Amino acid sequence: MIRLKLAILAVAVVSLFTSTISAQNIKEIQHIKFDDLGWEQLGDKLQRKYVYGEQGMLALFKMDKGAKVPLHQHPNEQTSYITKGSVKVTMQGKDYVVKAGEVLIIPGNIPHQFECLEDGTLDVDFFAPPRKDWIEGTASYFGNTNKTNNKLEVVAAMDIRPGDVAVSAEGRVFATIHPLGSQKTQLVEIVNGKAIPYPSNSYQKNGAKANDAKFDVMLGLIFDKNNQLWVIDMGLELGKTRLWAFDISKNKVTQKIELPSSVAPKGTFTQDVAIDEKNGFAYLADIANPGILVLNLKTKKVRRFSGHSSLQAEDKDMIIKGKVTHFCGKPARVAIDPITLSNDRETIFFGSMNGNSWYKVPAKLLRERKSDAIISNSIEKVGNKPFSDGAITDADGNHYFTNLQEHAITKLDVTGKLTNIIQDNEKLLWPDNVYQGPDGWMYISVNQLNSSPAFTGAGDEGNPPYYIYRFKK
C-alpha cells in the first residue's frame, strides 16, 4: 500500500511539473528560479528539468554512472555542455566521450544515445527549436507513450523473409517474399499463420529461371479502394518490370502490365507502388535510377519523372544497433522508396529510405504529363520522417513510417508532429513495411534485412523466424 501511494504521488508530481512547464508564456519575458523547479525522473539514475522560450529550450540532466538515454532522434539541433562528470555519446557508428568542460553539438535528425560514465554527472543541453515532444509529452524513447493495446500480435512466423504485407477489406493477409531471402516463392497469402503460395504454386518461380508466365521478383504490394490487389514484379532476372493485379474474390490474375524498356530498362528497381483507382494511374518508385514511374492504367503509357534532389538519398549513414549499415560493400545510400497517395488521390507523398524528409507533389501534374521542370517546382516538404523502408497515408492525412534505426513505427500527424507509436528494440528488427488493415489494425512485416548477405557482405546473419505482426493503433 505504501509503494502504491508513493507511485501515485510520483505520477501526480510529474503531472504537476509537466503542466507547469507547459503553461510557460513564450511570448512574454520569463524570470524563472531554475533551482526551484522539480526534477523529473526519466529512467534509472537519470533526472531532468527544463525551461523554454519561443526559439530555444534549456535543459539540465542529473545522472549517475550507468544511466542511459536510449537511441532516439529529433529534428532539433542539440548543444550538450558537460559541467561535471562525463558521458559517452554514440552516433553514426562512433563513440564520443565528452568530459567536464567540453561541448558536443549534434545536428538535427541524427540518431544518438547517451551513457553516463561517472556518478554526479551534470549535463546542460540547449535545443533549437524547443522540443515539442517534451512539451507535449509524446517523446517515446523511454517508453512513456506505449499503450497497453499497442502490443505486437504475431500474424505469421516464417522461416523465409517476408517482403511487404497488404491486407484486404475483409482482413485477408498477403505478403511478398523478399528476393534477398528466397528465390522459390514470390507471393503468399497468410492462412492460419501459414504462408500459402498465391494464387497458386504454378505462378511461383520455384528456383527455376524466370519466364513470362511466372513471377520473377515481387516486392511492393497494395490494395486499391476496389479491394483489388496490385503487386510489383521488379523482374531483376527477366529484365522486365511488370505490374500484376488480382481479383482475390476469384483468386485470379486480372492484369499483367509490362512496362516498356525505354522507361524501365533492365536493372530498374521499383520497390514501392501507389494505386489511384479513381483516375486510373499507378505510381512506382525506382531506387536504381531514382525517379517516379507514372503508369496510365487505361492506355498503358508510362513516363518517368527523375532528376530532382528530393528523389535522391541523403548523405547520411543508417545506424542500426550502433553500426553503420552497408549495402553492396559501402554505406547504404538508398533513394526514393516509400511512396503513398492522399485519400482523394490528388497528392503524391514520397521520400528516400536514407533520408529524413517527406515530400509531396500534386498528382495532377504527373497525370497530365507536365514537364519535369514544372513538377520539380511544385515539390514541397511535408515534414520530417525517420529512415524508412515503407510508409502509408491514412484517410485523415496522417503518415506512418517504418523506423529502421529506432525499431519503431513512427507517425507524422497533420500538425507536423513526429511520434513513435510503437517501439520494440528486440522484435522490430528491420520493419520493412507497415499497412493499415480493417478494424484499426496496423500490420508490419519484419525481416532482419540488414542481416542478409547483400548487407553483411558475407554470410546470412539472420535469425529466423521472421515475422508479420499486427497491433491496434
Protein backbone atom coordinates (compact mmCIF):
# COMPACT_ATOMS: atom_id res chain seq x y z
CA MET A 1 0.00 0.00 0.00
CA ILE A 2 2.86 2.39 0.83
CA ARG A 3 4.50 1.67 -2.53
CA LEU A 4 1.21 2.28 -4.31
CA LYS A 5 0.73 5.62 -2.56
CA LEU A 6 4.29 6.64 -3.41
CA ALA A 7 3.75 5.71 -7.06
CA ILE A 8 0.56 7.74 -7.20
CA LEU A 9 2.33 10.67 -5.57
CA ALA A 10 5.19 10.45 -8.08
CA VAL A 11 2.77 10.49 -11.00
CA ALA A 12 0.99 13.49 -9.53
CA VAL A 13 4.25 15.38 -9.08
CA VAL A 14 5.36 14.65 -12.67
CA SER A 15 1.94 15.68 -13.98
CA LEU A 16 2.05 18.91 -11.99
CA PHE A 17 5.57 19.61 -13.21
CA THR A 18 4.63 18.96 -16.84
CA SER A 19 1.54 21.15 -16.69
CA THR A 20 3.52 23.94 -15.04
CA ILE A 21 6.20 23.87 -17.73
CA SER A 22 3.62 23.65 -20.50
CA ALA A 23 1.97 26.78 -19.11
CA GLN A 24 5.01 28.95 -19.86
CA ASN A 25 4.04 32.06 -21.83
CA ILE A 26 6.64 32.07 -24.60
CA LYS A 27 5.51 35.47 -25.87
CA GLU A 28 6.46 37.26 -22.66
CA ILE A 29 9.62 37.84 -20.62
CA GLN A 30 10.11 34.94 -18.21
CA HIS A 31 12.08 35.17 -14.95
CA ILE A 32 12.29 31.67 -13.51
CA LYS A 33 14.19 30.38 -10.46
CA PHE A 34 15.58 27.25 -12.07
CA ASP A 35 16.69 25.68 -8.76
CA ASP A 36 13.09 25.67 -7.56
CA LEU A 37 11.87 23.55 -10.46
CA GLY A 38 11.29 19.92 -9.54
CA TRP A 39 13.25 17.07 -11.07
CA GLU A 40 11.53 14.72 -13.50
CA GLN A 41 12.59 11.08 -13.15
CA LEU A 42 13.15 9.73 -16.68
CA GLY A 43 14.88 6.45 -16.08
CA ASP A 44 17.18 4.64 -13.71
CA LYS A 45 19.75 7.12 -12.30
CA LEU A 46 18.55 9.88 -14.65
CA GLN A 47 16.62 13.09 -13.89
CA ARG A 48 15.72 16.15 -15.94
CA LYS A 49 14.32 19.68 -15.68
CA TYR A 50 13.89 22.27 -18.42
CA VAL A 51 12.58 25.68 -19.42
CA TYR A 52 11.88 27.04 -22.88
CA GLY A 53 11.01 30.10 -24.89
CA GLU A 54 9.77 30.58 -28.42
CA GLN A 55 13.04 29.72 -30.17
CA GLY A 56 15.02 27.59 -27.74
CA MET A 57 14.96 25.21 -24.76
CA LEU A 58 17.42 24.85 -21.87
CA ALA A 59 17.59 21.54 -20.01
CA LEU A 60 19.63 20.15 -17.15
CA PHE A 61 20.25 16.43 -16.74
CA LYS A 62 21.49 14.95 -13.45
CA MET A 63 22.74 11.39 -13.74
CA ASP A 64 24.89 8.70 -12.19
CA LYS A 65 27.18 6.10 -13.74
CA GLY A 66 25.29 3.62 -15.90
CA ALA A 67 22.34 5.90 -16.67
CA LYS A 68 21.32 5.68 -20.32
CA VAL A 69 19.28 7.68 -22.79
CA PRO A 70 18.11 5.13 -25.42
CA LEU A 71 18.69 5.57 -29.14
CA HIS A 72 16.49 8.36 -30.46
CA GLN A 73 16.49 11.27 -32.86
CA HIS A 74 14.76 14.62 -33.20
CA PRO A 75 14.76 17.48 -35.70
CA ASN A 76 16.14 19.89 -33.10
CA GLU A 77 19.82 20.86 -33.04
CA GLN A 78 21.29 19.88 -29.66
CA THR A 79 24.20 21.50 -27.84
CA SER A 80 25.38 19.47 -24.84
CA TYR A 81 27.73 21.05 -22.26
CA ILE A 82 29.07 18.71 -19.58
CA THR A 83 29.72 20.75 -16.45
CA LYS A 84 30.59 17.80 -14.20
CA GLY A 85 31.49 14.15 -14.82
CA SER A 86 31.45 12.60 -18.29
CA VAL A 87 29.22 10.85 -20.81
CA LYS A 88 29.63 8.64 -23.87
CA VAL A 89 27.51 9.58 -26.89
CA THR A 90 27.16 7.02 -29.68
CA MET A 91 26.08 8.15 -33.15
CA GLN A 92 26.82 7.17 -36.73
CA GLY A 93 28.88 4.21 -35.56
CA LYS A 94 31.27 6.27 -33.43
CA ASP A 95 31.62 6.88 -29.69
CA TYR A 96 32.22 10.41 -28.41
CA VAL A 97 33.43 10.70 -24.80
CA VAL A 98 32.52 14.17 -23.54
CA LYS A 99 34.15 15.28 -20.28
CA ALA A 100 33.56 18.17 -17.90
CA GLY A 101 34.19 21.48 -19.66
CA GLU A 102 33.55 20.02 -23.13
CA VAL A 103 30.72 20.64 -25.58
CA LEU A 104 29.15 18.36 -28.17
CA ILE A 105 26.89 19.78 -30.90
CA ILE A 106 24.50 17.29 -32.54
CA PRO A 107 22.72 18.36 -35.76
CA GLY A 108 19.03 17.56 -36.11
CA ASN A 109 17.79 14.11 -37.18
CA ILE A 110 20.95 12.19 -36.25
CA PRO A 111 20.12 9.11 -34.14
CA HIS A 112 22.15 9.11 -30.92
CA GLN A 113 22.28 7.57 -27.47
CA PHE A 114 23.87 8.66 -24.18
CA GLU A 115 25.55 6.68 -21.41
CA CYS A 116 26.76 8.27 -18.18
CA LEU A 117 30.32 7.34 -17.21
CA GLU A 118 30.57 8.94 -13.74
CA ASP A 119 28.35 9.46 -10.71
CA GLY A 120 27.12 13.00 -10.23
CA THR A 121 27.36 13.98 -13.90
CA LEU A 122 25.62 17.23 -14.86
CA ASP A 123 24.71 17.86 -18.50
CA VAL A 124 23.36 21.21 -19.69
CA ASP A 125 21.54 20.86 -23.03
CA PHE A 126 20.25 23.55 -25.36
CA PHE A 127 17.78 22.69 -28.12
CA ALA A 128 16.74 24.84 -31.07
CA PRO A 129 13.86 24.97 -31.66
CA PRO A 130 12.25 23.77 -28.39
CA ARG A 131 11.49 20.05 -28.13
CA LYS A 132 7.79 19.74 -28.91
CA ASP A 133 7.84 16.06 -27.96
CA TRP A 134 8.90 17.04 -24.42
CA ILE A 135 6.42 19.87 -24.08
CA GLU A 136 3.54 17.78 -25.42
CA GLY A 137 4.62 14.60 -23.62
CA THR A 138 4.93 12.49 -26.77
CA ALA A 139 8.62 11.52 -26.59
CA SER A 140 8.60 7.73 -26.65
CA TYR A 141 12.20 6.61 -26.31
CA PHE A 142 11.74 6.00 -22.57
CA GLY A 143 8.57 4.06 -23.28
CA ASN A 144 6.22 6.61 -21.75
CA THR A 145 3.79 6.62 -24.67
CA ASN A 146 3.43 2.87 -25.07
CA LYS A 147 -0.20 1.84 -24.56
CA THR A 148 -1.43 -1.48 -23.33
CA ASN A 149 -3.30 -2.04 -26.61
CA ASN A 150 -0.13 -1.39 -28.63
CA LYS A 151 1.23 -4.88 -28.08
CA LEU A 152 2.56 -6.74 -31.08
CA GLU A 153 0.49 -9.75 -32.06
CA VAL A 154 2.05 -12.44 -34.27
CA VAL A 155 0.20 -12.97 -37.55
CA ALA A 156 2.83 -15.30 -39.03
CA ALA A 157 6.25 -16.63 -38.05
CA MET A 158 8.17 -17.57 -41.19
CA ASP A 159 11.44 -19.33 -41.99
CA ILE A 160 11.90 -17.08 -45.06
CA ARG A 161 11.91 -13.29 -45.14
CA PRO A 162 8.63 -11.54 -45.96
CA GLY A 163 8.90 -8.50 -48.19
CA ASP A 164 5.81 -6.29 -47.89
CA VAL A 165 2.43 -7.10 -46.35
CA ALA A 166 -1.01 -5.92 -47.50
CA VAL A 167 -4.44 -6.59 -46.02
CA SER A 168 -7.78 -6.71 -47.83
CA ALA A 169 -11.00 -5.02 -46.77
CA GLU A 170 -12.22 -8.25 -45.20
CA GLY A 171 -8.93 -8.91 -43.41
CA ARG A 172 -7.16 -11.38 -45.71
CA VAL A 173 -3.39 -11.02 -45.34
CA PHE A 174 -0.97 -11.20 -48.28
CA ALA A 175 2.79 -10.84 -48.43
CA THR A 176 5.58 -10.90 -50.94
CA ILE A 177 8.68 -12.95 -50.19
CA HIS A 178 11.79 -10.80 -50.23
CA PRO A 179 14.19 -11.71 -53.07
CA LEU A 180 17.12 -11.38 -50.66
CA GLY A 181 15.62 -14.27 -48.73
CA SER A 182 14.21 -16.77 -51.22
CA GLN A 183 14.05 -17.45 -54.95
CA LYS A 184 11.46 -20.18 -54.56
CA THR A 185 8.24 -18.40 -53.58
CA GLN A 186 7.31 -14.84 -54.53
CA LEU A 187 3.75 -14.15 -53.34
CA VAL A 188 1.77 -15.74 -50.50
CA GLU A 189 -1.45 -15.48 -48.55
CA ILE A 190 -1.19 -15.95 -44.79
CA VAL A 191 -3.78 -18.53 -43.77
CA ASN A 192 -3.92 -19.58 -40.12
CA GLY A 193 -0.36 -18.33 -39.68
CA LYS A 194 0.98 -20.26 -42.67
CA ALA A 195 2.37 -18.81 -45.91
CA ILE A 196 0.43 -20.36 -48.82
CA PRO A 197 1.63 -19.67 -52.41
CA TYR A 198 -0.77 -17.25 -54.10
CA PRO A 199 -2.77 -17.51 -56.29
CA SER A 200 -1.23 -20.96 -56.73
CA ASN A 201 2.11 -22.68 -56.74
CA SER A 202 2.16 -22.66 -60.54
CA TYR A 203 2.87 -18.91 -60.60
CA GLN A 204 5.91 -19.16 -58.28
CA LYS A 205 9.43 -19.31 -59.67
CA ASN A 206 10.33 -22.33 -57.52
CA GLY A 207 14.05 -21.73 -58.01
CA ALA A 208 13.86 -22.06 -61.79
CA LYS A 209 14.71 -19.43 -64.37
CA ALA A 210 12.25 -16.59 -64.77
CA ASN A 211 9.80 -16.59 -67.65
CA ASP A 212 6.85 -14.50 -68.85
CA ALA A 213 4.23 -16.79 -67.37
CA LYS A 214 5.60 -16.81 -63.81
CA PHE A 215 6.57 -14.33 -61.15
CA ASP A 216 10.17 -13.12 -61.05
CA VAL A 217 10.96 -10.73 -58.17
CA MET A 218 7.87 -9.49 -56.32
CA LEU A 219 8.14 -6.84 -53.62
CA GLY A 220 5.71 -3.89 -53.24
CA LEU A 221 2.01 -4.72 -52.96
CA ILE A 222 -1.13 -2.76 -52.14
CA PHE A 223 -4.92 -2.94 -52.27
CA ASP A 224 -6.84 -0.23 -54.09
CA LYS A 225 -10.22 1.03 -52.87
CA ASN A 226 -11.94 -1.60 -55.01
CA ASN A 227 -10.21 -4.34 -52.99
CA GLN A 228 -8.06 -5.32 -55.96
CA LEU A 229 -4.54 -6.47 -55.11
CA TRP A 230 -1.63 -4.93 -57.05
CA VAL A 231 1.93 -6.30 -56.90
CA ILE A 232 5.18 -5.03 -58.41
CA ASP A 233 7.36 -7.57 -60.18
CA MET A 234 10.78 -5.93 -60.48
CA GLY A 235 11.95 -8.56 -62.95
CA LEU A 236 15.59 -8.42 -61.91
CA GLU A 237 16.35 -11.71 -63.68
CA LEU A 238 13.90 -11.42 -66.54
CA GLY A 239 14.85 -7.80 -67.18
CA LYS A 240 11.22 -6.64 -67.28
CA THR A 241 9.22 -4.56 -64.82
CA ARG A 242 5.66 -5.85 -64.55
CA LEU A 243 2.63 -4.84 -62.52
CA TRP A 244 0.24 -7.66 -61.64
CA ALA A 245 -3.37 -7.22 -60.49
CA PHE A 246 -5.51 -9.88 -58.77
CA ASP A 247 -9.20 -10.36 -58.11
CA ILE A 248 -8.93 -12.01 -54.70
CA SER A 249 -12.62 -12.99 -54.71
CA LYS A 250 -11.81 -15.35 -57.59
CA ASN A 251 -8.10 -15.78 -56.83
CA LYS A 252 -7.28 -14.90 -60.42
CA VAL A 253 -4.90 -12.60 -62.27
CA THR A 254 -6.83 -9.75 -63.88
CA GLN A 255 -3.94 -7.76 -65.36
CA LYS A 256 -0.25 -8.16 -66.11
CA ILE A 257 1.17 -4.90 -67.38
CA GLU A 258 4.71 -4.88 -68.75
CA LEU A 259 6.44 -1.51 -68.64
CA PRO A 260 8.43 -0.61 -71.78
CA SER A 261 12.20 -0.98 -71.57
CA SER A 262 12.61 2.59 -72.80
CA VAL A 263 11.24 3.81 -69.45
CA ALA A 264 12.02 0.82 -67.23
CA PRO A 265 15.17 -0.85 -68.58
CA LYS A 266 16.79 -3.91 -67.06
CA GLY A 267 18.12 -3.02 -63.63
CA THR A 268 15.13 -0.86 -62.72
CA PHE A 269 14.36 -1.41 -59.01
CA THR A 270 10.73 -0.43 -58.45
CA GLN A 271 10.33 -1.26 -54.79
CA ASP A 272 7.10 0.52 -53.88
CA VAL A 273 3.82 1.41 -55.61
CA ALA A 274 0.74 3.56 -55.06
CA ILE A 275 -2.52 3.00 -56.94
CA ASP A 276 -5.01 5.67 -57.99
CA GLU A 277 -8.12 3.71 -58.89
CA LYS A 278 -10.16 6.92 -59.29
CA ASN A 279 -8.16 8.33 -62.20
CA GLY A 280 -6.62 5.06 -63.37
CA PHE A 281 -2.93 5.58 -62.57
CA ALA A 282 -0.11 3.74 -60.80
CA TYR A 283 2.99 5.42 -59.37
CA LEU A 284 6.12 3.30 -58.93
CA ALA A 285 9.23 4.38 -57.01
CA ASP A 286 12.53 3.37 -58.65
CA ILE A 287 15.58 3.41 -56.37
CA ALA A 288 18.11 2.32 -59.01
CA ASN A 289 17.68 5.37 -61.25
CA PRO A 290 15.86 7.48 -58.66
CA GLY A 291 12.52 8.50 -60.06
CA ILE A 292 8.77 8.06 -60.16
CA LEU A 293 7.30 5.97 -62.98
CA VAL A 294 3.81 7.16 -63.88
CA LEU A 295 1.69 4.41 -65.48
CA ASN A 296 -1.66 5.17 -67.10
CA LEU A 297 -3.63 2.02 -66.34
CA LYS A 298 -6.03 2.66 -69.23
CA THR A 299 -3.65 3.48 -72.08
CA LYS A 300 -0.64 1.61 -70.56
CA LYS A 301 1.56 4.62 -71.40
CA VAL A 302 4.41 5.32 -68.97
CA ARG A 303 6.56 8.34 -68.25
CA ARG A 304 9.44 8.80 -65.85
CA PHE A 305 9.99 11.78 -63.57
CA SER A 306 13.58 11.99 -62.32
CA GLY A 307 16.48 14.29 -61.66
CA HIS A 308 15.14 16.15 -58.62
CA SER A 309 17.13 16.16 -55.37
CA SER A 310 14.10 15.00 -53.35
CA LEU A 311 14.31 11.63 -55.12
CA GLN A 312 17.90 11.05 -54.06
CA ALA A 313 19.26 9.51 -50.88
CA GLU A 314 20.52 11.97 -48.31
CA ASP A 315 24.22 11.65 -47.50
CA LYS A 316 23.60 10.26 -44.03
CA ASP A 317 24.63 6.94 -42.53
CA MET A 318 21.99 4.48 -41.42
CA ILE A 319 22.90 3.34 -37.90
CA ILE A 320 21.29 0.16 -36.63
CA LYS A 321 22.26 -1.14 -33.19
CA GLY A 322 25.28 1.14 -33.17
CA LYS A 323 26.68 0.04 -36.54
CA VAL A 324 26.75 1.74 -39.92
CA THR A 325 24.56 -0.26 -42.31
CA HIS A 326 26.32 -1.21 -45.53
CA PHE A 327 24.74 -2.28 -48.81
CA CYS A 328 26.74 -3.94 -51.58
CA GLY A 329 30.01 -3.15 -49.83
CA LYS A 330 29.56 0.52 -48.95
CA PRO A 331 27.48 2.60 -46.53
CA ALA A 332 23.84 2.34 -47.61
CA ARG A 333 22.50 5.27 -49.60
CA VAL A 334 19.04 4.19 -50.73
CA ALA A 335 16.98 6.69 -52.72
CA ILE A 336 13.21 7.11 -53.15
CA ASP A 337 11.41 4.18 -51.64
CA PRO A 338 8.20 4.87 -49.74
CA ILE A 339 5.53 6.40 -51.96
CA THR A 340 1.89 6.97 -50.97
CA LEU A 341 -1.24 8.81 -52.12
CA SER A 342 -3.69 11.04 -50.30
CA ASN A 343 -7.17 9.68 -49.75
CA ASP A 344 -8.58 11.86 -52.57
CA ARG A 345 -5.75 10.64 -54.85
CA GLU A 346 -4.68 14.22 -55.64
CA THR A 347 -1.36 14.33 -53.77
CA ILE A 348 1.66 12.05 -54.07
CA PHE A 349 3.87 11.70 -50.99
CA PHE A 350 7.37 10.27 -51.14
CA GLY A 351 10.82 10.18 -49.58
CA SER A 352 14.09 8.28 -49.69
CA MET A 353 14.90 5.35 -47.43
CA ASN A 354 18.13 7.10 -46.43
CA GLY A 355 16.52 10.40 -45.62
CA ASN A 356 14.68 12.46 -43.04
CA SER A 357 12.44 14.48 -45.37
CA TRP A 358 8.90 13.64 -46.55
CA TYR A 359 7.74 15.42 -49.70
CA LYS A 360 4.54 15.99 -51.64
CA VAL A 361 3.63 16.94 -55.21
CA PRO A 362 0.25 17.37 -56.95
CA ALA A 363 -0.62 14.12 -58.72
CA LYS A 364 -2.40 16.02 -61.45
CA LEU A 365 0.92 17.34 -62.77
CA LEU A 366 2.20 13.81 -63.32
CA ARG A 367 -1.11 12.56 -64.71
CA GLU A 368 -1.14 15.39 -67.25
CA ARG A 369 2.49 14.76 -68.19
CA LYS A 370 3.69 18.21 -67.24
CA SER A 371 7.39 18.94 -67.75
CA ASP A 372 9.95 17.83 -65.19
CA ALA A 373 10.68 21.50 -64.51
CA ILE A 374 7.04 22.26 -63.63
CA ILE A 375 6.81 19.16 -61.43
CA SER A 376 10.11 19.96 -59.71
CA ASN A 377 8.99 23.49 -58.89
CA SER A 378 5.82 22.12 -57.28
CA ILE A 379 7.52 19.71 -54.85
CA GLU A 380 7.17 20.74 -51.21
CA LYS A 381 8.44 19.27 -47.97
CA VAL A 382 5.63 17.96 -45.77
CA GLY A 383 7.70 17.29 -42.67
CA ASN A 384 10.35 15.07 -41.15
CA LYS A 385 10.49 11.29 -41.28
CA PRO A 386 12.77 8.54 -39.98
CA PHE A 387 14.93 6.32 -42.20
CA SER A 388 12.19 4.08 -43.53
CA ASP A 389 11.58 1.21 -45.92
CA GLY A 390 7.81 1.65 -46.03
CA ALA A 391 5.02 4.13 -45.36
CA ILE A 392 1.25 4.58 -45.55
CA THR A 393 -1.01 7.63 -45.52
CA ASP A 394 -4.40 7.29 -43.86
CA ALA A 395 -7.72 8.89 -44.74
CA ASP A 396 -7.13 11.71 -42.24
CA GLY A 397 -3.79 12.71 -43.75
CA ASN A 398 -1.54 11.13 -41.12
CA HIS A 399 1.59 9.31 -42.32
CA TYR A 400 3.04 6.15 -40.76
CA PHE A 401 6.63 5.06 -41.38
CA THR A 402 8.71 2.04 -40.56
CA ASN A 403 11.58 3.39 -38.47
CA LEU A 404 14.66 1.29 -39.24
CA GLN A 405 17.07 2.90 -36.80
CA GLU A 406 14.76 3.09 -33.78
CA HIS A 407 12.94 -0.22 -34.39
CA ALA A 408 9.58 1.51 -34.40
CA ILE A 409 6.54 2.66 -36.32
CA THR A 410 6.55 6.45 -36.43
CA LYS A 411 3.58 8.71 -37.07
CA LEU A 412 3.75 12.13 -38.74
CA ASP A 413 0.43 13.78 -37.97
CA VAL A 414 -1.30 16.59 -39.80
CA THR A 415 0.25 19.18 -37.45
CA GLY A 416 3.77 18.01 -38.32
CA LYS A 417 4.39 16.21 -35.03
CA LEU A 418 6.56 13.08 -35.27
CA THR A 419 5.87 10.34 -32.69
CA ASN A 420 6.84 6.70 -32.27
CA ILE A 421 3.51 4.94 -31.74
CA ILE A 422 5.09 1.57 -31.06
CA GLN A 423 8.73 0.63 -30.50
CA ASP A 424 10.45 -2.67 -29.76
CA ASN A 425 14.22 -3.00 -29.98
CA GLU A 426 14.06 -6.79 -29.95
CA LYS A 427 11.11 -7.56 -32.22
CA LEU A 428 11.07 -4.80 -34.83
CA LEU A 429 14.36 -5.76 -36.48
CA TRP A 430 14.08 -4.04 -39.84
CA PRO A 431 10.35 -3.32 -40.08
CA ASP A 432 10.06 -3.47 -43.87
CA ASN A 433 6.59 -2.06 -44.40
CA VAL A 434 3.51 -1.00 -42.47
CA TYR A 435 -0.07 -1.43 -43.65
CA GLN A 436 -3.44 -0.34 -42.29
CA GLY A 437 -5.98 -3.13 -42.19
CA PRO A 438 -9.64 -3.09 -41.18
CA ASP A 439 -10.92 -2.52 -37.62
CA GLY A 440 -7.99 -0.35 -36.55
CA TRP A 441 -5.26 -2.96 -37.00
CA MET A 442 -1.81 -1.99 -38.27
CA TYR A 443 0.34 -4.72 -39.86
CA ILE A 444 4.14 -4.84 -40.02
CA SER A 445 6.47 -7.14 -41.94
CA VAL A 446 9.77 -7.68 -40.10
CA ASN A 447 12.61 -9.41 -41.93
CA GLN A 448 16.03 -8.51 -40.44
CA LEU A 449 17.01 -7.41 -43.94
CA ASN A 450 20.25 -5.78 -42.80
CA SER A 451 21.45 -9.24 -41.74
CA SER A 452 21.14 -10.63 -45.29
CA PRO A 453 24.29 -11.18 -47.44
CA ALA A 454 23.66 -8.08 -49.58
CA PHE A 455 24.08 -6.01 -46.43
CA THR A 456 26.66 -8.03 -44.47
CA GLY A 457 28.90 -8.64 -47.48
CA ALA A 458 29.36 -12.19 -46.24
CA GLY A 459 27.02 -14.88 -44.94
CA ASP A 460 23.41 -14.58 -43.84
CA GLU A 461 23.35 -13.45 -40.22
CA GLY A 462 19.57 -13.59 -39.93
CA ASN A 463 17.94 -15.43 -37.08
CA PRO A 464 14.62 -16.97 -38.16
CA PRO A 465 11.74 -16.90 -37.65
CA TYR A 466 10.84 -13.68 -39.46
CA TYR A 467 7.52 -12.13 -38.60
CA ILE A 468 4.39 -10.43 -39.70
CA TYR A 469 2.94 -8.60 -36.69
CA ARG A 470 -0.12 -6.52 -36.08
CA PHE A 471 -1.21 -4.07 -33.38
CA LYS A 472 -4.10 -1.75 -32.66
CA LYS A 473 -3.16 1.84 -33.48
